């Protein structure tokens, strides 16, 4: 009897040209951080402080935007490593881990608001 395997979630890619995506992300970052950046983190958190952040779902849904998340982090905090736990198109439940970020705490906090939006 053949065994059934669960079909892989489709790999969805952004349809934006990379330069257009970068331009949009920069607009979003200016909206979230202003022209001066994350002054609180810069003032309060030592430059060498490392951290791990886990992005978890608050409710059920279907994931979209993994390539955008990866590009955002590469632009803003290139020393932060991102490990996506899911792919675009996958369903998730409340509490599921979407991604894990590791690296400089200042970098993680710089992308946090934009990433979660």
Protein backbone atom coordinates (compact mmCIF):
# COMPACT_ATOMS: atom_id res chain seq x y z
CA UNK A 1 0.00 0.00 0.00
CA UNK A 2 1.55 3.36 -0.99
CA UNK A 3 2.17 5.84 1.76
CA UNK A 4 0.74 9.29 1.49
CA UNK A 5 3.03 12.20 2.00
CA UNK A 6 1.84 15.63 2.85
CA UNK A 7 2.17 17.97 -0.12
CA UNK A 8 4.78 20.67 0.33
CA UNK A 9 3.48 24.18 0.68
CA UNK A 10 3.94 26.22 -2.49
CA UNK A 11 7.00 28.43 -2.60
CA UNK A 12 5.70 31.90 -3.22
CA UNK A 13 8.02 34.69 -4.23
CA UNK A 14 7.54 38.40 -4.23
CA UNK A 15 6.52 39.80 -7.58
CA UNK A 16 8.30 43.09 -6.95
CA UNK A 17 11.60 43.94 -8.55
CA UNK A 18 14.26 43.84 -5.77
CA UNK A 19 14.95 47.57 -6.12
CA UNK A 20 11.25 48.36 -5.72
CA UNK A 21 11.01 46.10 -2.68
CA UNK A 22 14.02 47.82 -1.11
CA UNK A 23 12.47 51.23 -1.77
CA UNK A 24 9.19 50.19 -0.14
CA UNK A 25 10.97 48.71 2.87
CA UNK A 26 12.91 51.95 3.33
CA UNK A 27 9.63 53.92 3.31
CA UNK A 28 8.19 51.58 5.94
CA UNK A 29 11.34 51.92 8.06
CA UNK A 30 11.22 55.73 7.95
CA UNK A 31 7.59 55.53 9.07
CA UNK A 32 8.51 53.24 11.98
CA UNK A 33 11.91 54.66 12.98
CA UNK A 34 11.82 58.22 11.68
CA UNK A 35 14.90 59.86 10.26
CA UNK A 36 17.05 59.31 13.36
CA UNK A 37 16.55 55.56 13.89
CA UNK A 38 15.93 53.72 17.12
CA UNK A 39 17.32 56.29 19.59
CA UNK A 40 16.07 54.44 22.68
CA UNK A 41 17.83 51.18 21.77
CA UNK A 42 20.96 53.07 20.71
CA UNK A 43 21.03 54.92 24.05
CA UNK A 44 20.12 52.04 26.36
CA UNK A 45 21.47 48.81 24.85
CA UNK A 46 25.20 48.06 24.65
CA UNK A 47 26.42 47.64 21.08
CA UNK A 48 27.78 44.14 21.78
CA UNK A 49 24.56 42.79 23.38
CA UNK A 50 23.37 39.66 21.57
CA UNK A 51 19.89 38.18 21.72
CA UNK A 52 17.50 35.61 20.33
CA UNK A 53 13.95 36.54 19.40
CA UNK A 54 11.20 34.12 18.48
CA UNK A 55 8.36 35.33 16.25
CA UNK A 56 5.18 33.47 17.21
CA UNK A 57 1.71 33.64 15.72
CA UNK A 58 -0.99 35.27 17.84
CA UNK A 59 -3.72 33.51 15.90
CA UNK A 60 -4.29 31.03 13.11
CA UNK A 61 -3.54 31.97 9.51
CA UNK A 62 -1.55 31.34 6.37
CA UNK A 63 1.99 32.64 6.19
CA UNK A 64 2.92 35.23 3.61
CA UNK A 65 6.00 37.42 3.32
CA UNK A 66 9.00 35.26 4.28
CA UNK A 67 11.17 36.66 1.44
CA UNK A 68 10.17 40.20 2.47
CA UNK A 69 11.12 39.46 6.09
CA UNK A 70 14.48 38.10 5.00
CA UNK A 71 15.16 41.15 2.80
CA UNK A 72 14.13 43.59 5.55
CA UNK A 73 16.57 42.01 7.98
CA UNK A 74 19.35 41.92 5.37
CA UNK A 75 18.86 45.65 4.69
CA UNK A 76 18.58 46.88 8.27
CA UNK A 77 20.45 44.39 10.41
CA UNK A 78 22.73 42.24 8.25
CA UNK A 79 24.41 40.69 11.30
CA UNK A 80 21.07 39.26 12.49
CA UNK A 81 20.57 35.67 11.39
CA UNK A 82 17.02 34.69 10.51
CA UNK A 83 15.73 31.13 10.45
CA UNK A 84 12.24 30.84 9.03
CA UNK A 85 10.39 27.94 10.63
CA UNK A 86 7.76 27.97 7.88
CA UNK A 87 7.41 28.77 4.21
CA UNK A 88 5.00 31.09 2.45
CA UNK A 89 1.67 29.35 1.97
CA UNK A 90 1.88 27.23 5.12
CA UNK A 91 -0.97 27.31 7.61
CA UNK A 92 -0.21 28.00 11.26
CA UNK A 93 -2.01 28.07 14.59
CA UNK A 94 -1.78 30.44 17.51
CA UNK A 95 1.54 29.95 19.27
CA UNK A 96 3.35 28.39 16.31
CA UNK A 97 6.89 29.64 15.74
CA UNK A 98 7.17 31.58 12.48
CA UNK A 99 10.87 32.53 12.67
CA UNK A 100 13.81 32.88 15.01
CA UNK A 101 16.20 35.85 14.89
CA UNK A 102 19.67 35.76 16.46
CA UNK A 103 22.26 38.48 16.62
CA UNK A 104 22.78 42.03 17.89
CA UNK A 105 19.84 43.09 20.05
CA UNK A 106 19.86 46.60 18.58
CA UNK A 107 19.43 45.14 15.10
CA UNK A 108 16.58 42.87 16.19
CA UNK A 109 14.76 45.78 17.81
CA UNK A 110 15.30 47.98 14.74
CA UNK A 111 13.38 45.54 12.54
CA UNK A 112 10.81 44.38 15.11
CA UNK A 113 7.98 46.83 14.43
CA UNK A 114 8.29 46.77 10.65
CA UNK A 115 8.64 42.98 10.66
CA UNK A 116 5.53 42.44 12.73
CA UNK A 117 3.47 44.84 10.63
